Amino acid sequence: MERYLATFSVLTRLAIKNVFRDPKRTLYTFFGVVLIATSIAFIDFVDEMLHIQFDRVQTFDYKVECSDVTAVKRDVREAYPIIETWIPIGRNGSQSRVI
């Protein structure tokens, strides 16, 4: 092992020896780095999930529900108990987007 370590610089050999000097501390440090990387990845995942939901899937601005069938039935031939639609709101011919 000493022969293999001799090929590295002094700083690299010192870092490798410190890893094996206190294995418990090395393990705690490794798990701390993994925890930080996981939390950063989770934040990115949630950000991307919200972007997909509100910019690609759910692109409407207002949800209209009409459950009063008698009011609708006066003007149309046939009406169902629940009518639901989504209305994108825009101005000057451009559709608004959720950002």
Protein backbone atom coordinates (compact mmCIF):
# COMPACT_ATOMS: atom_id res chain seq x y z
CA MET A 1 0.00 0.00 0.00
CA GLU A 2 2.85 2.39 0.83
CA ARG A 3 4.36 1.72 -2.56
CA TYR A 4 1.06 2.57 -4.28
CA LEU A 5 0.63 5.76 -2.23
CA ALA A 6 4.14 6.91 -3.13
CA THR A 7 2.93 7.70 -6.66
CA PHE A 8 0.62 10.45 -5.33
CA SER A 9 1.57 13.91 -4.14
CA VAL A 10 1.98 14.66 -0.44
CA LEU A 11 -1.40 16.42 -0.18
CA THR A 12 -3.22 13.53 -1.87
CA ARG A 13 -1.54 10.99 0.43
CA LEU A 14 -2.52 13.05 3.46
CA ALA A 15 -6.15 13.22 2.32
CA ILE A 16 -6.28 9.45 1.72
CA LYS A 17 -4.74 8.68 5.12
CA ASN A 18 -7.23 11.00 6.85
CA VAL A 19 -10.11 9.07 5.30
CA PHE A 20 -8.93 5.87 6.98
CA ARG A 21 -7.81 7.53 10.23
CA ASP A 22 -11.37 8.17 11.50
CA PRO A 23 -13.85 6.07 9.48
CA LYS A 24 -16.85 7.19 11.55
CA ARG A 25 -16.21 10.86 10.76
CA THR A 26 -15.70 9.99 7.08
CA LEU A 27 -19.02 8.14 7.03
CA TYR A 28 -20.86 11.05 8.69
CA THR A 29 -19.35 13.50 6.21
CA PHE A 30 -20.32 11.27 3.29
CA PHE A 31 -23.92 11.01 4.50
CA GLY A 32 -24.05 14.77 5.05
CA VAL A 33 -22.94 15.43 1.48
CA VAL A 34 -25.48 12.89 0.18
CA LEU A 35 -28.25 14.54 2.24
CA ILE A 36 -27.41 17.99 0.86
CA ALA A 37 -27.29 16.68 -2.73
CA THR A 38 -30.62 14.90 -2.25
CA SER A 39 -32.32 18.01 -0.89
CA ILE A 40 -31.03 20.12 -3.79
CA ALA A 41 -32.31 17.51 -6.25
CA PHE A 42 -35.68 17.45 -4.47
CA ILE A 43 -36.01 21.25 -4.75
CA ASP A 44 -35.27 21.03 -8.48
CA PHE A 45 -37.78 18.19 -8.84
CA VAL A 46 -40.56 20.17 -7.15
CA ASP A 47 -39.78 23.24 -9.26
CA GLU A 48 -39.96 21.18 -12.47
CA MET A 49 -43.16 19.45 -11.32
CA LEU A 50 -44.86 22.81 -10.68
CA HIS A 51 -43.64 24.11 -14.04
CA ILE A 52 -45.14 21.13 -15.87
CA GLN A 53 -48.42 21.29 -13.96
CA PHE A 54 -49.11 25.00 -14.36
CA ASP A 55 -47.44 25.76 -17.72
CA ARG A 56 -48.29 22.62 -19.73
CA VAL A 57 -51.19 20.76 -18.11
CA GLN A 58 -53.32 23.31 -16.32
CA THR A 59 -53.11 26.33 -18.61
CA PHE A 60 -56.50 27.83 -17.84
CA ASP A 61 -57.00 30.95 -15.75
CA TYR A 62 -60.53 30.59 -14.49
CA LYS A 63 -62.84 27.61 -13.90
CA VAL A 64 -66.56 28.12 -14.50
CA GLU A 65 -69.10 25.75 -12.99
CA CYS A 66 -72.82 25.90 -13.62
CA SER A 67 -75.04 23.53 -11.67
CA ASP A 68 -78.34 25.42 -12.13
CA VAL A 69 -79.79 23.33 -14.97
CA THR A 70 -83.03 25.29 -15.20
CA ALA A 71 -81.20 28.51 -16.04
CA VAL A 72 -79.22 26.82 -18.77
CA LYS A 73 -82.11 24.76 -20.14
CA ARG A 74 -84.04 27.87 -21.21
CA ASP A 75 -81.47 28.70 -23.87
CA VAL A 76 -80.39 25.23 -25.07
CA ARG A 77 -82.14 22.05 -26.21
CA GLU A 78 -80.44 19.69 -23.79
CA ALA A 79 -78.50 20.32 -20.59
CA TYR A 80 -76.59 18.14 -18.19
CA PRO A 81 -76.60 18.65 -14.41
CA ILE A 82 -72.97 19.80 -14.34
CA ILE A 83 -71.27 21.97 -16.93
CA GLU A 84 -67.62 22.72 -16.38
CA THR A 85 -65.20 24.59 -18.61
CA TRP A 86 -61.93 26.46 -18.36
CA ILE A 87 -61.52 29.94 -19.68
CA PRO A 88 -58.12 31.41 -20.52
CA ILE A 89 -58.14 35.16 -19.93
CA GLY A 90 -56.31 37.38 -22.38
CA ARG A 91 -56.00 41.01 -23.45
CA ASN A 92 -55.63 42.48 -26.95
CA GLY A 93 -55.81 39.06 -28.57
CA SER A 94 -53.03 37.50 -26.52
CA GLN A 95 -53.69 34.67 -24.09
CA SER A 96 -52.31 35.11 -20.59
CA ARG A 97 -49.97 32.50 -19.11
CA VAL A 98 -49.29 31.38 -15.58
CA ILE A 99 -45.63 31.90 -14.74
